[in-house]
Amino acid sequence: MTAAEGPLVVGVDSSTQSTKVLVVDSASGAVVARGQAPHQVTAAHDSDPEVWWEALTAALAQCGEPARRAAAVAVAGQQHGLVTLGADGRPVRNALLWNDTRSAPQRDRLLADLGGPEAWAERVGSVPAASFTVTKWAWLTEHEPDAAAATRAVRLPHDYLTGRLAGHPVTAGTTDRGDVSGSGWWSTATESYDEGVLSHVGLDPALLPRVVGQGEAAGTVAEGLPLPAGIPVAAGTGDNMAGALGLGLVSGTPVLSLGTSGTVYAVSERRPSDPTGTVAGFADAGSAFLPLACTLNCTLAVDRFAALLGRDREAVEAGGEAVVLPFLDGERTPDLPYASGLLHGLRHDTSAGQLLQAAYDGAVFALLKALDLVLDEGADPEAPILLIGGGARGTAWRETVRRLSGRPVRVPVAEELVALGAAAQAAGLLLGREAAAVARDWDTASGPSLPAVARDEAALERLGATLADADALLRRH
């Protein structure tokens, strides 16, 4: 371990499956210590927030002495989760996670009640999907009214952990504009909570956290943690916003993240408002926006196909005309919350490797269809796609993105970009700088580049035609 060049900062990534912690040199971006602890997720896609807190403190403890010398900390967390806290600061029930689509009926009613998709896009910036927090609160009030009545604070996952670090899980709660823009009850047009939406779903604004401004601290670290008491806690943000910070993104650079979910996004200076709901019009963690399209079925869905076929995930084969739409858990992009996986075009000579390749194609297809909607007009159509997430390390994923996009691909060598983004946010607060500029100084987006190849128009046409023909089937529930 080399001597630190600047103050140490801590970045936290609390994801669906685990909490990861990095201790980072604020001057160079070098990671000097790291820790990780798992979460427990139920089959119903919910999780006890206390487990997140236990994982965070365990991961911090693993970082040892560097964490105890840190000068600032920030938390990035999975978006959209609904955390309901009682008067004692403890969860009223398990948190409903982003990939829980049980609130699809409530989403449908909310869209109809408040003017339809176009009105929602104009009003709050996004057409809520069944993953959005507002739909989860509507589900809770309908199906578990006693839990809703006992709730004294409503938080997103990163809000909850930030409040625990600062010693105020219920009172003086905070959030940031990036993460709260994915709730469905905060407007990117007014930069404030939408009282009409809150009234419609019966949520008292007093239960919601204050939105912390850019460069403003959310509090200071409480006593008794594996961090110095009294150091500033930065605002924190959602995981996608933190990933953008970790890359030091500038407007016009597309990012495709391959993880449990798949996402494609870019920083934009214009306020997004997509009435189709394909693109979520999020704010970023600064003063701009982060238009984003997200799928529920990505690496885990493809791995499931590999397991069913008895093949290694890299054992793909070219050829064949089979089409796989791997919507195993319902889907968000396209908006098919009741869908299941679909296989079309199977023939006697179709090989297992071709079927596996078709699963990769289906997982990437929807993300690439949204790419033009995510990028600003005038963005360079030949700019490399930054490929991140666990799937970016896989040859089959990289080659599928190249073949279906026709664009060059760059794979940043920096790892744990969400935690790095949170660390950049902590460093920005400490140094009085924009977090993305700090990350650019750290050169986090550098990595090997793969040149463009000819786009596979035949595969894209098959996928598009199958999706269109199967639309009614996939919407059944």
Foldseek 3Di string as FASTA:
>chain_A
DDDAPAAWEKFWEAELWKIKIFIARLQQRDTPFIFMDTFDADPQQWGFLVRSLVRVQRGLVRRPPSQARHQEFEYAYAAQKKFFAAPVLGTLDTIRALLRQPLQVLLVVLQVVQPHLQSLCVFANFSAASSANLSVLLVCCVPPVVSNVRGQAIDTSRQQNLCVQQVHNFPQTEAAQQRVSRRSQAHPVVRGGNVVSCVVSVHDCNRYHHHDAALDFSHFGPPDGSHDGGRTYRRHHYLVLLLCLLQLADAQAWAWEAEQKIKIKHWDQDQHRDSQRQWRRGQHRHGTTITMGMKNHGDVLLVVLCVVLVHDLQLADDDALKAKQQCCQFIVQVRQRQFHIDIPRDDPPDDSRPVSLNHLLNRCLSNLVCNVVRHDPPRDLQRAHEYHYPCVVHPSNLVSCLQASQHKYFYFPDPPSSSSSRRLSGSCSVVVHDSSVSSVSNVRRDGDMGGHDHHPVSNSVSHVVVCVVCVVVSNDD
